[in-house]
C-alpha atoms as a PDB file:
ATOM      1  CA  MET A   1       0.025   0.044  -0.044  1.00  0.00           C
ATOM      2  CA  GLU A   2       1.263   3.439  -0.899  1.00  0.00           C
ATOM      3  CA  ARG A   3       2.479   5.335   2.149  1.00  0.00           C
ATOM      4  CA  VAL A   4       0.767   8.640   3.253  1.00  0.00           C
ATOM      5  CA  SER A   5       4.019  10.589   2.466  1.00  0.00           C
ATOM      6  CA  GLU A   6       3.916   9.202  -1.095  1.00  0.00           C
ATOM      7  CA  ARG A   7       0.242   9.980  -1.440  1.00  0.00           C
ATOM      8  CA  ILE A   8       0.871  13.495  -0.304  1.00  0.00           C
ATOM      9  CA  THR A   9       3.676  13.989  -2.703  1.00  0.00           C
ATOM     10  CA  ARG A  10       1.743  12.494  -5.534  1.00  0.00           C
ATOM     11  CA  SER A  11      -1.161  14.812  -4.839  1.00  0.00           C
ATOM     12  CA  LEU A  12       0.958  17.919  -4.774  1.00  0.00           C
ATOM     13  CA  VAL A  13       2.681  16.842  -8.076  1.00  0.00           C
ATOM     14  CA  ASP A  14      -0.421  15.819  -9.903  1.00  0.00           C
ATOM     15  CA  VAL A  15      -2.890  18.472  -8.696  1.00  0.00           C
ATOM     16  CA  GLY A  16      -0.696  21.296  -7.410  1.00  0.00           C
ATOM     17  CA  PRO A  17       0.406  23.105  -4.171  1.00  0.00           C
ATOM     18  CA  ALA A  18      -2.223  22.912  -1.317  1.00  0.00           C
ATOM     19  CA  THR A  19      -2.827  23.530   2.361  1.00  0.00           C
ATOM     20  CA  ALA A  20      -2.998  20.646   4.868  1.00  0.00           C
ATOM     21  CA  ALA A  21      -6.822  20.938   4.884  1.00  0.00           C
ATOM     22  CA  VAL A  22      -6.963  20.703   1.068  1.00  0.00           C
ATOM     23  CA  LEU A  23      -4.690  17.755   1.115  1.00  0.00           C
ATOM     24  CA  ALA A  24      -6.735  15.963   3.718  1.00  0.00           C
ATOM     25  CA  GLU A  25      -9.864  16.454   1.574  1.00  0.00           C
ATOM     26  CA  ARG A  26      -8.073  15.133  -1.478  1.00  0.00           C
ATOM     27  CA  LEU A  27      -6.754  12.054   0.232  1.00  0.00           C
ATOM     28  CA  GLY A  28      -9.874  11.260   2.332  1.00  0.00           C
ATOM     29  CA  ILE A  29      -8.013  11.391   5.703  1.00  0.00           C
ATOM     30  CA  THR A  30      -8.027  13.753   8.609  1.00  0.00           C
ATOM     31  CA  PRO A  31      -6.077  17.100   8.598  1.00  0.00           C
ATOM     32  CA  GLY A  32      -4.240  15.817  11.726  1.00  0.00           C
ATOM     33  CA  ALA A  33      -3.058  12.755   9.893  1.00  0.00           C
ATOM     34  CA  VAL A  34      -1.726  14.849   7.113  1.00  0.00           C
ATOM     35  CA  ARG A  35      -0.006  17.369   9.366  1.00  0.00           C
ATOM     36  CA  ARG A  36       1.963  14.515  11.175  1.00  0.00           C
ATOM     37  CA  HIS A  37       3.694  13.973   7.909  1.00  0.00           C
ATOM     38  CA  LEU A  38       4.112  17.435   6.519  1.00  0.00           C
ATOM     39  CA  ASP A  39       6.740  18.865   8.977  1.00  0.00           C
ATOM     40  CA  PRO A  40       9.096  15.820   8.666  1.00  0.00           C
ATOM     41  CA  MET A  41       8.761  16.072   4.895  1.00  0.00           C
ATOM     42  CA  VAL A  42       9.685  19.711   4.971  1.00  0.00           C
ATOM     43  CA  GLU A  43      12.696  18.979   7.165  1.00  0.00           C
ATOM     44  CA  ALA A  44      13.844  16.256   4.788  1.00  0.00           C
ATOM     45  CA  GLY A  45      13.712  18.719   1.898  1.00  0.00           C
ATOM     46  CA  TRP A  46      10.867  16.942   0.061  1.00  0.00           C
ATOM     47  CA  LEU A  47       8.415  19.806   0.486  1.00  0.00           C
ATOM     48  CA  VAL A  48       8.498  23.546   0.945  1.00  0.00           C
ATOM     49  CA  ALA A  49       5.897  25.616   2.743  1.00  0.00           C
ATOM     50  CA  GLY A  50       5.004  29.289   2.607  1.00  0.00           C
ATOM     51  CA  GLU A  51       2.069  31.673   2.614  1.00  0.00           C
ATOM     52  CA  ASN A  52       1.777  31.543  -1.197  1.00  0.00           C
ATOM     53  CA  ALA A  53       2.321  28.767  -3.707  1.00  0.00           C
ATOM     54  CA  PRO A  54       5.554  29.187  -5.708  1.00  0.00           C
ATOM     55  CA  TYR A  55       3.387  28.820  -8.866  1.00  0.00           C
ATOM     56  CA  GLY A  56      -0.249  28.427  -9.880  1.00  0.00           C
ATOM     57  CA  PRO A  57      -3.323  29.917  -8.164  1.00  0.00           C
ATOM     58  CA  ARG A  58      -2.946  31.768  -4.883  1.00  0.00           C
ATOM     59  CA  SER A  59      -6.563  31.487  -3.794  1.00  0.00           C
ATOM     60  CA  GLN A  60      -6.464  29.038  -0.944  1.00  0.00           C
ATOM     61  CA  ARG A  61      -6.264  31.821   1.773  1.00  0.00           C
ATOM     62  CA  GLY A  62      -9.046  32.482   4.181  1.00  0.00           C
ATOM     63  CA  ARG A  63      -9.655  35.024   6.863  1.00  0.00           C
ATOM     64  CA  GLY A  64      -7.206  35.347   9.816  1.00  0.00           C
ATOM     65  CA  ARG A  65      -3.678  33.904   9.676  1.00  0.00           C
ATOM     66  CA  PRO A  66      -3.027  32.409   6.312  1.00  0.00           C
ATOM     67  CA  ALA A  67      -2.644  28.684   6.135  1.00  0.00           C
ATOM     68  CA  ARG A  68       0.684  27.308   4.934  1.00  0.00           C
ATOM     69  CA  ILE A  69       0.723  26.114   1.368  1.00  0.00           C
ATOM     70  CA  TYR A  70       2.940  23.045   0.602  1.00  0.00           C
ATOM     71  CA  SER A  71       4.572  22.217  -2.689  1.00  0.00           C
ATOM     72  CA  VAL A  72       6.988  19.536  -3.826  1.00  0.00           C
ATOM     73  CA  THR A  73      10.726  20.060  -4.362  1.00  0.00           C
ATOM     74  CA  ASP A  74      12.825  18.269  -7.051  1.00  0.00           C
ATOM     75  CA  LEU A  75      14.153  15.977  -4.283  1.00  0.00           C
ATOM     76  CA  GLY A  76      10.542  15.027  -3.265  1.00  0.00           C
ATOM     77  CA  ARG A  77       9.515  14.470  -6.785  1.00  0.00           C
ATOM     78  CA  ASP A  78      12.455  12.078  -7.408  1.00  0.00           C
ATOM     79  CA  ARG A  79      11.051   9.857  -4.556  1.00  0.00           C
ATOM     80  CA  LEU A  80       8.027   8.918  -6.554  1.00  0.00           C
ATOM     81  CA  PRO A  81       8.100   5.424  -8.152  1.00  0.00           C
ATOM     82  CA  LYS A  82       9.281   5.440 -11.713  1.00  0.00           C
ATOM     83  CA  ALA A  83       7.993   2.073 -12.705  1.00  0.00           C
ATOM     84  CA  TYR A  84       5.089   3.370 -14.798  1.00  0.00           C
ATOM     85  CA  GLU A  85       7.267   5.759 -16.657  1.00  0.00           C
ATOM     86  CA  ALA A  86       9.886   3.202 -17.236  1.00  0.00           C
ATOM     87  CA  LEU A  87       7.300   0.908 -18.827  1.00  0.00           C
ATOM     88  CA  SER A  88       6.098   3.857 -21.092  1.00  0.00           C
ATOM     89  CA  VAL A  89       9.653   4.373 -22.203  1.00  0.00           C
ATOM     90  CA  GLU A  90      10.116   0.612 -22.980  1.00  0.00           C
ATOM     91  CA  LEU A  91       6.874   0.645 -25.098  1.00  0.00           C
ATOM     92  CA  MET A  92       8.012   3.598 -27.104  1.00  0.00           C
ATOM     93  CA  ARG A  93      11.429   1.943 -27.710  1.00  0.00           C
ATOM     94  CA  TYR A  94       9.563  -1.053 -28.903  1.00  0.00           C
ATOM     95  CA  LEU A  95       7.603   1.017 -31.305  1.00  0.00           C
ATOM     96  CA  ARG A  96      10.594   2.883 -32.554  1.00  0.00           C
ATOM     97  CA  ASP A  97      12.679  -0.237 -33.058  1.00  0.00           C
ATOM     98  CA  ARG A  98      10.039  -2.562 -34.413  1.00  0.00           C
ATOM     99  CA  VAL A  99       7.816  -0.139 -36.440  1.00  0.00           C
ATOM    100  CA  GLY A 100       9.910   3.055 -36.874  1.00  0.00           C
ATOM    101  CA  GLY A 101      10.064   6.620 -35.628  1.00  0.00           C
ATOM    102  CA  THR A 102       6.794   7.514 -37.329  1.00  0.00           C
ATOM    103  CA  ALA A 103       4.904   5.183 -34.904  1.00  0.00           C
ATOM    104  CA  VAL A 104       6.333   7.163 -31.924  1.00  0.00           C
ATOM    105  CA  LYS A 105       5.121  10.441 -33.513  1.00  0.00           C
ATOM    106  CA  ASP A 106       1.774   8.975 -34.106  1.00  0.00           C
ATOM    107  CA  PHE A 107       1.555   7.683 -30.492  1.00  0.00           C
ATOM    108  CA  ALA A 108       2.623  11.124 -29.145  1.00  0.00           C
ATOM    109  CA  LYS A 109      -0.208  12.782 -30.994  1.00  0.00           C
ATOM    110  CA  ALA A 110      -2.750  10.227 -30.182  1.00  0.00           C
ATOM    111  CA  ARG A 111      -2.216  10.268 -26.443  1.00  0.00           C
ATOM    112  CA  LEU A 112      -2.985  14.011 -26.543  1.00  0.00           C
ATOM    113  CA  GLN A 113      -6.304  13.705 -28.383  1.00  0.00           C
ATOM    114  CA  PRO A 114      -8.593  13.747 -25.323  1.00  0.00           C
ATOM    115  CA  GLN A 115      -6.699  16.755 -23.982  1.00  0.00           C
ATOM    116  CA  TYR A 116      -7.013  18.450 -27.427  1.00  0.00           C
ATOM    117  CA  GLU A 117     -10.796  17.832 -27.431  1.00  0.00           C
ATOM    118  CA  ARG A 118     -11.291  19.290 -24.008  1.00  0.00           C
ATOM    119  CA  PHE A 119      -9.005  22.264 -24.571  1.00  0.00           C
ATOM    120  CA  SER A 120     -10.573  23.094 -28.043  1.00  0.00           C
ATOM    121  CA  GLN A 121     -14.020  23.117 -26.446  1.00  0.00           C
ATOM    122  CA  ALA A 122     -12.984  25.314 -23.536  1.00  0.00           C
ATOM    123  CA  LEU A 123     -11.145  27.859 -25.757  1.00  0.00           C
ATOM    124  CA  ALA A 124     -13.844  28.006 -28.520  1.00  0.00           C
ATOM    125  CA  GLY A 125     -15.042  31.586 -29.007  1.00  0.00           C
ATOM    126  CA  LYS A 126     -12.726  33.064 -26.416  1.00  0.00           C
ATOM    127  CA  ASP A 127     -10.783  36.279 -27.102  1.00  0.00           C
ATOM    128  CA  ALA A 128      -7.242  35.620 -28.347  1.00  0.00           C
ATOM    129  CA  ALA A 129      -5.875  37.718 -25.553  1.00  0.00           C
ATOM    130  CA  VAL A 130      -7.207  35.483 -22.765  1.00  0.00           C
ATOM    131  CA  LYS A 131      -6.608  32.114 -24.455  1.00  0.00           C
ATOM    132  CA  PRO A 132      -3.127  31.693 -22.926  1.00  0.00           C
ATOM    133  CA  TYR A 133      -4.412  32.311 -19.476  1.00  0.00           C
ATOM    134  CA  ILE A 134      -7.266  29.811 -19.972  1.00  0.00           C
ATOM    135  CA  LEU A 135      -4.763  27.355 -21.370  1.00  0.00           C
ATOM    136  CA  ALA A 136      -2.614  27.661 -18.218  1.00  0.00           C
ATOM    137  CA  GLU A 137      -5.694  27.015 -16.075  1.00  0.00           C
ATOM    138  CA  LEU A 138      -6.588  23.957 -18.076  1.00  0.00           C
ATOM    139  CA  LEU A 139      -2.976  22.564 -17.909  1.00  0.00           C
ATOM    140  CA  SER A 140      -2.886  23.212 -14.142  1.00  0.00           C
ATOM    141  CA  LYS A 141      -6.087  21.138 -13.629  1.00  0.00           C
ATOM    142  CA  ASP A 142      -4.271  18.364 -15.521  1.00  0.00           C
ATOM    143  CA  GLY A 143      -1.310  18.462 -13.144  1.00  0.00           C
ATOM    144  CA  PHE A 144       1.111  20.601 -15.034  1.00  0.00           C
ATOM    145  CA  ALA A 145       1.236  23.528 -12.530  1.00  0.00           C
ATOM    146  CA  ALA A 146       1.097  26.073 -15.339  1.00  0.00           C
ATOM    147  CA  THR A 147       1.171  29.816 -15.337  1.00  0.00           C
ATOM    148  CA  ALA A 148       0.812  32.545 -18.055  1.00  0.00           C
ATOM    149  CA  GLU A 149       2.396  35.860 -18.169  1.00  0.00           C
ATOM    150  CA  ALA A 150       3.292  38.637 -20.501  1.00  0.00           C
ATOM    151  CA  SER A 151       6.462  38.057 -22.465  1.00  0.00           C
ATOM    152  CA  SER A 152       9.230  40.584 -23.171  1.00  0.00           C
ATOM    153  CA  LEU A 153       8.364  40.115 -26.815  1.00  0.00           C
ATOM    154  CA  PRO A 154       4.818  40.974 -28.032  1.00  0.00           C
ATOM    155  CA  GLY A 155       2.811  38.091 -26.751  1.00  0.00           C
ATOM    156  CA  THR A 156       2.541  35.746 -23.851  1.00  0.00           C
ATOM    157  CA  GLN A 157       4.490  32.819 -22.423  1.00  0.00           C
ATOM    158  CA  VAL A 158       2.953  29.799 -20.714  1.00  0.00           C
ATOM    159  CA  CYS A 159       5.254  28.002 -18.237  1.00  0.00           C
ATOM    160  CA  GLN A 160       4.677  24.469 -17.031  1.00  0.00           C
ATOM    161  CA  HIS A 161       6.396  23.884 -13.786  1.00  0.00           C
ATOM    162  CA  HIS A 162       5.844  20.202 -13.664  1.00  0.00           C
ATOM    163  CA  CYS A 163       5.972  17.555 -16.473  1.00  0.00           C
ATOM    164  CA  PRO A 164       4.656  14.021 -15.691  1.00  0.00           C
ATOM    165  CA  VAL A 165       6.627  12.629 -18.724  1.00  0.00           C
ATOM    166  CA  ALA A 166       9.863  14.600 -18.423  1.00  0.00           C
ATOM    167  CA  HIS A 167      12.122  11.538 -18.230  1.00  0.00           C
ATOM    168  CA  ALA A 168      10.427   9.883 -21.217  1.00  0.00           C
ATOM    169  CA  ALA A 169      10.542  13.110 -23.171  1.00  0.00           C
ATOM    170  CA  THR A 170      14.336  13.293 -22.671  1.00  0.00           C
ATOM    171  CA  GLU A 171      14.644  10.294 -24.938  1.00  0.00           C
ATOM    172  CA  PHE A 172      11.621  10.943 -27.011  1.00  0.00           C
ATOM    173  CA  PRO A 173      11.316  14.626 -27.787  1.00  0.00           C
ATOM    174  CA  GLU A 174       8.332  13.698 -30.078  1.00  0.00           C
ATOM    175  CA  LEU A 175       6.281  13.968 -26.835  1.00  0.00           C
ATOM    176  CA  CYS A 176       7.265  17.655 -26.454  1.00  0.00           C
ATOM    177  CA  ASP A 177       6.824  18.407 -30.179  1.00  0.00           C
ATOM    178  CA  ALA A 178       3.317  16.920 -30.131  1.00  0.00           C
ATOM    179  CA  GLU A 179       2.327  18.999 -27.240  1.00  0.00           C
ATOM    180  CA  ALA A 180       3.547  22.179 -28.833  1.00  0.00           C
ATOM    181  CA  GLU A 181       1.611  21.272 -31.933  1.00  0.00           C
ATOM    182  CA  MET A 182      -1.546  20.692 -29.955  1.00  0.00           C
ATOM    183  CA  PHE A 183      -1.180  24.121 -28.289  1.00  0.00           C
ATOM    184  CA  SER A 184      -0.904  25.677 -31.775  1.00  0.00           C
ATOM    185  CA  GLN A 185      -3.965  23.901 -32.864  1.00  0.00           C
ATOM    186  CA  VAL A 186      -6.195  24.816 -29.971  1.00  0.00           C
ATOM    187  CA  LEU A 187      -4.926  28.400 -29.763  1.00  0.00           C
ATOM    188  CA  GLY A 188      -5.107  29.006 -33.484  1.00  0.00           C
ATOM    189  CA  THR A 189      -1.631  30.533 -33.683  1.00  0.00           C
ATOM    190  CA  HIS A 190       2.007  29.667 -34.041  1.00  0.00           C
ATOM    191  CA  VAL A 191       3.833  28.801 -30.850  1.00  0.00           C
ATOM    192  CA  GLN A 192       7.477  28.494 -30.033  1.00  0.00           C
ATOM    193  CA  ARG A 193       9.019  26.218 -27.428  1.00  0.00           C
ATOM    194  CA  LEU A 194      11.803  28.260 -25.425  1.00  0.00           C
ATOM    195  CA  ALA A 195      12.642  25.724 -22.826  1.00  0.00           C
ATOM    196  CA  THR A 196      11.755  22.195 -21.634  1.00  0.00           C
ATOM    197  CA  ILE A 197      12.164  20.276 -18.397  1.00  0.00           C
ATOM    198  CA  SER A 198      13.307  17.246 -20.365  1.00  0.00           C
ATOM    199  CA  HIS A 199      16.327  19.267 -21.631  1.00  0.00           C
ATOM    200  CA  GLY A 200      17.309  20.254 -18.102  1.00  0.00           C
ATOM    201  CA  ASP A 201      15.484  23.654 -17.831  1.00  0.00           C
ATOM    202  CA  ALA A 202      13.530  24.575 -14.646  1.00  0.00           C
ATOM    203  CA  VAL A 203      10.215  24.847 -16.446  1.00  0.00           C
ATOM    204  CA  CYS A 204       8.822  24.162 -19.823  1.00  0.00           C
ATOM    205  CA  THR A 205       8.194  27.596 -21.477  1.00  0.00           C
ATOM    206  CA  THR A 206       6.086  28.170 -24.639  1.00  0.00           C
ATOM    207  CA  TYR A 207       5.979  31.582 -26.304  1.00  0.00           C
ATOM    208  CA  LEU A 208       2.663  32.584 -27.741  1.00  0.00           C
ATOM    209  CA  PRO A 209       2.928  35.561 -30.124  1.00  0.00           C
ATOM    210  CA  ASP A 210       0.378  38.355 -29.974  1.00  0.00           C
ATOM    211  CA  ASN A 211      -1.946  37.809 -33.000  1.00  0.00           C
ATOM    212  CA  SER A 212      -4.664  40.152 -31.840  1.00  0.00           C
ATOM    213  CA  ARG A 213      -3.992  42.506 -34.597  1.00  0.00           C
ATOM    214  CA  SER A 214      -4.536  39.929 -37.255  1.00  0.00           C
ATOM    215  CA  ALA A 215      -7.426  38.192 -35.466  1.00  0.00           C
ATOM    216  CA  SER A 216     -10.663  38.615 -37.218  1.00  0.00           C
END
């Protein structure tokens, strides 16, 4: 059975930073049971705690003294079992070696189809200026801990602070390429990848040019 500390880590990685009360609700256990694990995890360097999340929404505050918000460090993320991702890498290697590189590209696109359909529906009819921010919210709900902000160039950049397939994407960049292509399709504009976690960067950063002047 998965330990409580692993369940806490997985929840923070998959869903995003949270208070002890929110974690307890997610895991279906008491806040006291969660808190017994949080301080040792912080001391071990697996989590960090503060009044604000280091990324993502900052709306978990209530009245009075703000509750501490916990998020996972790289050390904590590395503690999670890698068996599932290892199997995925083996499957893609099999496709590449037995069928060819095109099969990996097809797989990378196919796995994003449900996400593409949901994102397309959510972004349909929205103003081009707000689409990057909606995209970041949608990605955060899917566990990518994404934010959107104005770029130094005309446009916006979307940053993903977590990537569930980072290790696999290191060997198979087709996964990153397919995601960038999906972003371009749902946003209706060209996008440019500036950084990726799989290449050793701190976050995955995608630049979205300002096409409001050309939007009809």
